[in-house]
């Protein structure tokens, strides 16, 4: 009878050890999956940063060109070359109507009065 009790204890201990091992392995598998997801996210962020870096390098390479400087002056500051005319669409939704669109020619004096400056 004594051997059966010891054998039962040994089997119970083996079961507990096996169950604990399986739980630990399961938890480790979950941690591995979480870390793999984090690694994918980091890689995506790295690719985005590399793409932005490439775009910035291209922009820096163009900054010395006169055409780039002129484009930035037009886009951000509204500058015009002498003799150019600025067209401002006052009713943009009319561009998609079947009727003829309305547009006004605004000269420099009107723009100065409006406070936008030229």
N, C-alpha and C. Protein backbone atom coordinates (compact mmCIF):
# COMPACT_ATOMS: atom_id res chain seq x y z
N UNK A 1 0.82 -1.19 0.00
CA UNK A 1 0.00 0.00 0.00
C UNK A 1 0.86 1.26 0.00
N UNK A 2 1.97 1.16 0.66
CA UNK A 2 2.85 2.30 0.76
C UNK A 2 3.41 2.69 -0.61
N UNK A 3 3.70 1.74 -1.47
CA UNK A 3 4.22 2.03 -2.79
C UNK A 3 3.18 2.73 -3.66
N UNK A 4 1.93 2.38 -3.51
CA UNK A 4 0.87 3.02 -4.29
C UNK A 4 0.72 4.49 -3.91
N UNK A 5 0.83 4.79 -2.64
CA UNK A 5 0.72 6.18 -2.21
C UNK A 5 1.89 6.98 -2.77
N UNK A 6 3.04 6.45 -2.70
CA UNK A 6 4.21 7.15 -3.24
C UNK A 6 4.09 7.29 -4.75
N UNK A 7 3.61 6.26 -5.41
CA UNK A 7 3.42 6.33 -6.86
C UNK A 7 2.37 7.38 -7.20
N UNK A 8 1.33 7.50 -6.39
CA UNK A 8 0.29 8.52 -6.62
C UNK A 8 0.88 9.90 -6.44
N UNK A 9 1.73 10.08 -5.43
CA UNK A 9 2.38 11.37 -5.21
C UNK A 9 3.30 11.73 -6.37
N UNK A 10 4.02 10.73 -6.83
CA UNK A 10 4.93 10.95 -7.97
C UNK A 10 4.14 11.32 -9.21
N UNK A 11 3.03 10.62 -9.46
CA UNK A 11 2.19 10.94 -10.62
C UNK A 11 1.57 12.32 -10.48
N UNK A 12 1.12 12.67 -9.28
CA UNK A 12 0.54 14.00 -9.05
C UNK A 12 1.59 15.08 -9.26
N UNK A 13 2.79 14.85 -8.74
CA UNK A 13 3.87 15.82 -8.91
C UNK A 13 4.24 15.96 -10.38
N UNK A 14 4.29 14.85 -11.09
CA UNK A 14 4.60 14.90 -12.53
C UNK A 14 3.52 15.67 -13.29
N UNK A 15 2.27 15.45 -12.89
CA UNK A 15 1.16 16.17 -13.55
C UNK A 15 1.26 17.68 -13.30
N UNK A 16 1.56 18.04 -12.05
CA UNK A 16 1.69 19.46 -11.70
C UNK A 16 2.86 20.08 -12.48
N UNK A 17 3.97 19.37 -12.55
CA UNK A 17 5.13 19.88 -13.28
C UNK A 17 4.81 20.02 -14.77
N UNK A 18 4.14 19.02 -15.32
CA UNK A 18 3.78 19.07 -16.73
C UNK A 18 2.80 20.22 -17.00
N UNK A 19 1.81 20.40 -16.11
CA UNK A 19 0.84 21.47 -16.29
C UNK A 19 1.52 22.84 -16.18
N UNK A 20 2.41 22.98 -15.21
CA UNK A 20 3.13 24.24 -15.05
C UNK A 20 4.01 24.52 -16.27
N UNK A 21 4.65 23.48 -16.79
CA UNK A 21 5.47 23.64 -17.99
C UNK A 21 4.64 24.06 -19.19
N UNK A 22 3.47 23.45 -19.35
CA UNK A 22 2.61 23.80 -20.48
C UNK A 22 2.09 25.24 -20.35
N UNK A 23 1.74 25.64 -19.12
CA UNK A 23 1.29 27.02 -18.91
C UNK A 23 2.40 28.01 -19.22
N UNK A 24 3.61 27.68 -18.79
CA UNK A 24 4.76 28.55 -19.06
C UNK A 24 5.03 28.65 -20.55
N UNK A 25 4.98 27.52 -21.25
CA UNK A 25 5.21 27.53 -22.69
C UNK A 25 4.12 28.33 -23.41
N UNK A 26 2.89 28.18 -22.96
CA UNK A 26 1.78 28.92 -23.56
C UNK A 26 1.99 30.42 -23.37
N UNK A 27 2.37 30.83 -22.17
CA UNK A 27 2.61 32.24 -21.89
C UNK A 27 3.78 32.76 -22.73
N UNK A 28 4.83 31.95 -22.87
CA UNK A 28 5.96 32.36 -23.70
C UNK A 28 5.56 32.51 -25.16
N UNK A 29 4.73 31.60 -25.66
CA UNK A 29 4.24 31.72 -27.04
C UNK A 29 3.47 33.01 -27.24
N UNK A 30 2.64 33.37 -26.26
CA UNK A 30 1.88 34.62 -26.35
C UNK A 30 2.82 35.82 -26.34
N UNK A 31 3.83 35.79 -25.49
CA UNK A 31 4.80 36.88 -25.43
C UNK A 31 5.57 37.01 -26.74
N UNK A 32 5.90 35.87 -27.33
CA UNK A 32 6.60 35.88 -28.62
C UNK A 32 5.73 36.54 -29.68
N UNK A 33 4.44 36.21 -29.71
CA UNK A 33 3.53 36.82 -30.69
C UNK A 33 3.41 38.33 -30.47
N UNK A 34 3.34 38.76 -29.21
CA UNK A 34 3.26 40.19 -28.90
C UNK A 34 4.52 40.89 -29.37
N UNK A 35 5.66 40.31 -29.10
CA UNK A 35 6.94 40.92 -29.51
C UNK A 35 7.07 40.96 -31.04
N UNK A 36 6.56 39.93 -31.72
CA UNK A 36 6.60 39.94 -33.18
C UNK A 36 5.73 41.06 -33.74
N UNK A 37 4.55 41.27 -33.14
CA UNK A 37 3.69 42.38 -33.55
C UNK A 37 4.38 43.72 -33.32
N UNK A 38 5.02 43.86 -32.16
CA UNK A 38 5.75 45.10 -31.88
C UNK A 38 6.88 45.30 -32.87
N UNK A 39 7.57 44.23 -33.23
CA UNK A 39 8.67 44.33 -34.19
C UNK A 39 8.15 44.76 -35.56
N UNK A 40 6.97 44.24 -35.96
CA UNK A 40 6.38 44.66 -37.24
C UNK A 40 6.02 46.14 -37.22
N UNK A 41 5.44 46.60 -36.11
CA UNK A 41 5.08 48.01 -36.00
C UNK A 41 6.32 48.90 -36.06
N UNK A 42 7.38 48.48 -35.39
CA UNK A 42 8.62 49.25 -35.41
C UNK A 42 9.19 49.28 -36.82
N UNK A 43 9.13 48.18 -37.51
CA UNK A 43 9.64 48.12 -38.90
C UNK A 43 8.83 49.04 -39.81
N UNK A 44 7.50 49.06 -39.63
CA UNK A 44 6.66 49.96 -40.43
C UNK A 44 7.02 51.42 -40.14
N UNK A 45 7.19 51.75 -38.86
CA UNK A 45 7.59 53.12 -38.53
C UNK A 45 8.95 53.45 -39.13
N UNK A 46 9.86 52.48 -39.12
CA UNK A 46 11.19 52.70 -39.69
C UNK A 46 11.07 52.97 -41.19
N UNK A 47 10.23 52.21 -41.88
CA UNK A 47 10.05 52.42 -43.32
C UNK A 47 9.45 53.80 -43.60
N UNK A 48 8.50 54.23 -42.75
CA UNK A 48 7.92 55.56 -42.92
C UNK A 48 8.97 56.65 -42.73
N UNK A 49 9.80 56.48 -41.72
CA UNK A 49 10.86 57.46 -41.47
C UNK A 49 11.85 57.48 -42.62
N UNK A 50 12.20 56.32 -43.14
CA UNK A 50 13.12 56.26 -44.28
C UNK A 50 12.52 56.93 -45.51
N UNK A 51 11.21 56.75 -45.73
CA UNK A 51 10.55 57.39 -46.87
C UNK A 51 10.55 58.91 -46.69
N UNK A 52 10.23 59.36 -45.47
CA UNK A 52 10.26 60.81 -45.20
C UNK A 52 11.67 61.36 -45.37
N UNK A 53 12.65 60.61 -44.93
CA UNK A 53 14.05 61.01 -45.06
C UNK A 53 14.42 61.15 -46.54
N UNK A 54 13.99 60.20 -47.34
CA UNK A 54 14.27 60.26 -48.78
C UNK A 54 13.60 61.48 -49.41
N UNK A 55 12.34 61.75 -49.03
CA UNK A 55 11.65 62.92 -49.55
C UNK A 55 12.36 64.21 -49.16
N UNK A 56 12.82 64.27 -47.92
CA UNK A 56 13.53 65.47 -47.46
C UNK A 56 14.85 65.65 -48.19
N UNK A 57 15.55 64.54 -48.45
CA UNK A 57 16.81 64.64 -49.20
C UNK A 57 16.56 65.17 -50.61
N UNK A 58 15.47 64.70 -51.24
CA UNK A 58 15.14 65.21 -52.57
C UNK A 58 14.80 66.69 -52.53
N UNK A 59 14.06 67.09 -51.50
CA UNK A 59 13.70 68.50 -51.37
C UNK A 59 14.94 69.36 -51.13
N UNK A 60 15.86 68.87 -50.30
CA UNK A 60 17.10 69.60 -50.04
C UNK A 60 17.91 69.73 -51.33
N UNK A 61 17.91 68.68 -52.13
CA UNK A 61 18.66 68.74 -53.40
C UNK A 61 18.07 69.77 -54.34
N UNK A 62 16.77 70.02 -54.25
CA UNK A 62 16.12 70.99 -55.14
C UNK A 62 16.19 72.42 -54.60
N UNK A 63 16.50 72.60 -53.34
CA UNK A 63 16.44 73.93 -52.73
C UNK A 63 17.39 74.92 -53.37
N UNK A 64 18.45 74.48 -53.96
CA UNK A 64 19.39 75.40 -54.58
C UNK A 64 18.94 75.84 -55.96
N UNK A 65 17.92 75.23 -56.50
CA UNK A 65 17.46 75.58 -57.84
C UNK A 65 16.53 76.78 -57.77
N UNK A 66 16.65 77.68 -58.75
CA UNK A 66 15.81 78.88 -58.79
C UNK A 66 14.34 78.54 -58.96
N UNK A 67 14.04 77.49 -59.72
CA UNK A 67 12.64 77.13 -59.94
C UNK A 67 11.97 76.72 -58.63
N UNK A 68 12.70 76.06 -57.76
CA UNK A 68 12.14 75.65 -56.46
C UNK A 68 11.86 76.89 -55.61
N UNK A 69 12.79 77.81 -55.59
CA UNK A 69 12.62 79.03 -54.80
C UNK A 69 11.44 79.83 -55.32
N UNK A 70 11.30 79.92 -56.63
CA UNK A 70 10.17 80.65 -57.21
C UNK A 70 8.85 79.96 -56.87
N UNK A 71 8.83 78.66 -56.93
CA UNK A 71 7.61 77.92 -56.62
C UNK A 71 7.20 78.13 -55.17
N UNK A 72 8.16 78.10 -54.24
CA UNK A 72 7.84 78.33 -52.83
C UNK A 72 7.34 79.76 -52.60
N UNK A 73 7.96 80.73 -53.29
CA UNK A 73 7.52 82.12 -53.15
C UNK A 73 6.09 82.29 -53.67
N UNK A 74 5.77 81.63 -54.75
CA UNK A 74 4.39 81.70 -55.28
C UNK A 74 3.41 81.01 -54.35
N UNK A 75 3.77 79.82 -53.92
CA UNK A 75 2.84 79.00 -53.14
C UNK A 75 2.58 79.57 -51.75
N UNK A 76 3.63 79.94 -51.04
CA UNK A 76 3.46 80.33 -49.65
C UNK A 76 3.30 81.83 -49.42
N UNK A 77 3.83 82.64 -50.34
CA UNK A 77 3.79 84.09 -50.12
C UNK A 77 2.99 84.84 -51.17
N UNK A 78 2.50 84.14 -52.18
CA UNK A 78 1.66 84.77 -53.19
C UNK A 78 2.40 85.71 -54.12
N UNK A 79 3.70 85.56 -54.27
CA UNK A 79 4.47 86.44 -55.15
C UNK A 79 4.17 86.15 -56.61
N UNK A 80 4.26 87.21 -57.42
CA UNK A 80 4.08 87.09 -58.86
C UNK A 80 5.26 87.74 -59.55
N UNK A 81 5.53 87.30 -60.75
CA UNK A 81 6.55 87.94 -61.56
C UNK A 81 5.94 89.18 -62.21
N UNK A 82 6.76 90.15 -62.58
CA UNK A 82 6.23 91.34 -63.24
C UNK A 82 5.46 90.95 -64.51
N UNK A 83 4.28 91.51 -64.66
CA UNK A 83 3.46 91.24 -65.83
C UNK A 83 2.49 90.09 -65.65
N UNK A 84 2.61 89.32 -64.60
CA UNK A 84 1.68 88.22 -64.37
C UNK A 84 0.40 88.74 -63.73
N UNK A 85 -0.68 88.04 -63.98
CA UNK A 85 -1.98 88.41 -63.44
C UNK A 85 -2.46 87.29 -62.53
N UNK A 86 -2.97 87.67 -61.37
CA UNK A 86 -3.51 86.69 -60.43
C UNK A 86 -5.01 86.55 -60.68
N UNK A 87 -5.46 85.31 -60.86
CA UNK A 87 -6.88 85.03 -61.02
C UNK A 87 -7.37 84.38 -59.72
N UNK A 88 -8.47 84.92 -59.19
CA UNK A 88 -9.06 84.38 -57.98
C UNK A 88 -10.48 83.95 -58.30
N UNK A 89 -10.80 82.70 -58.08
CA UNK A 89 -12.15 82.21 -58.31
C UNK A 89 -12.96 82.53 -57.06
N UNK A 90 -13.98 83.37 -57.23
CA UNK A 90 -14.76 83.81 -56.07
C UNK A 90 -15.92 82.87 -55.78
N UNK A 91 -16.26 82.02 -56.73
CA UNK A 91 -17.38 81.10 -56.55
C UNK A 91 -16.96 79.73 -57.08
N UNK A 92 -16.17 78.96 -56.31
CA UNK A 92 -15.62 77.71 -56.84
C UNK A 92 -16.68 76.66 -57.17
N UNK A 93 -17.84 76.70 -56.49
CA UNK A 93 -18.85 75.69 -56.81
C UNK A 93 -19.43 75.89 -58.19
N UNK A 94 -19.29 77.10 -58.74
CA UNK A 94 -19.80 77.33 -60.10
C UNK A 94 -18.93 76.66 -61.15
N UNK A 95 -17.74 76.22 -60.78
CA UNK A 95 -16.87 75.54 -61.75
C UNK A 95 -17.47 74.23 -62.22
N UNK A 96 -18.35 73.65 -61.43
CA UNK A 96 -18.91 72.35 -61.76
C UNK A 96 -20.33 72.45 -62.31
N UNK A 97 -20.87 73.65 -62.36
CA UNK A 97 -22.20 73.84 -62.96
C UNK A 97 -22.09 73.82 -64.47
N UNK A 98 -23.23 73.68 -65.12
CA UNK A 98 -23.22 73.69 -66.57
C UNK A 98 -23.17 75.11 -67.12
N UNK A 99 -23.51 76.06 -66.28
CA UNK A 99 -23.41 77.45 -66.70
C UNK A 99 -21.95 77.86 -66.77
N UNK A 100 -21.71 78.98 -67.42
CA UNK A 100 -20.34 79.45 -67.55
C UNK A 100 -19.83 79.93 -66.19
N UNK A 101 -18.65 79.50 -65.77
CA UNK A 101 -18.14 79.90 -64.46
C UNK A 101 -17.80 81.38 -64.41
N UNK A 102 -17.95 81.93 -63.20
CA UNK A 102 -17.62 83.33 -63.00
C UNK A 102 -16.23 83.43 -62.38
N UNK A 103 -15.46 84.40 -62.85
CA UNK A 103 -14.15 84.66 -62.29
C UNK A 103 -13.90 86.15 -62.37
N UNK A 104 -13.14 86.66 -61.44
CA UNK A 104 -12.80 88.08 -61.43
C UNK A 104 -11.30 88.22 -61.58
N UNK A 105 -10.91 89.26 -62.26
CA UNK A 105 -9.50 89.60 -62.32
C UNK A 105 -9.28 90.65 -61.25
N UNK A 106 -8.41 90.33 -60.31
CA UNK A 106 -8.15 91.24 -59.21
C UNK A 106 -6.75 91.78 -59.40
N UNK A 107 -6.65 93.11 -59.49
CA UNK A 107 -5.32 93.68 -59.67
C UNK A 107 -4.65 93.89 -58.32
N UNK A 108 -3.42 94.34 -58.37
CA UNK A 108 -2.63 94.48 -57.14
C UNK A 108 -3.24 95.46 -56.15
N UNK A 109 -3.86 96.53 -56.64
CA UNK A 109 -4.44 97.52 -55.74
C UNK A 109 -5.58 96.92 -54.92
N UNK A 110 -6.41 96.10 -55.55
CA UNK A 110 -7.52 95.47 -54.84
C UNK A 110 -6.98 94.49 -53.80
N UNK A 111 -5.92 93.77 -54.13
CA UNK A 111 -5.34 92.82 -53.20
C UNK A 111 -4.76 93.56 -51.98
N UNK A 112 -4.12 94.70 -52.21
CA UNK A 112 -3.57 95.46 -51.08
C UNK A 112 -4.68 95.97 -50.18
N UNK A 113 -5.78 96.40 -50.78
CA UNK A 113 -6.91 96.88 -49.99
C UNK A 113 -7.51 95.75 -49.16
N UNK A 114 -7.49 94.54 -49.71
CA UNK A 114 -8.06 93.40 -48.99
C UNK A 114 -7.13 92.93 -47.87
N UNK A 115 -5.89 93.43 -47.86
CA UNK A 115 -4.96 93.09 -46.79
C UNK A 115 -4.15 91.85 -47.06
N UNK A 116 -4.21 91.31 -48.26
CA UNK A 116 -3.46 90.10 -48.56
C UNK A 116 -2.06 90.43 -49.05
N UNK A 117 -1.85 91.61 -49.54
CA UNK A 117 -0.53 92.04 -49.97
C UNK A 117 -0.02 91.30 -51.17
N UNK A 118 0.78 91.96 -51.95
CA UNK A 118 1.38 91.35 -53.13
C UNK A 118 2.85 91.56 -53.11
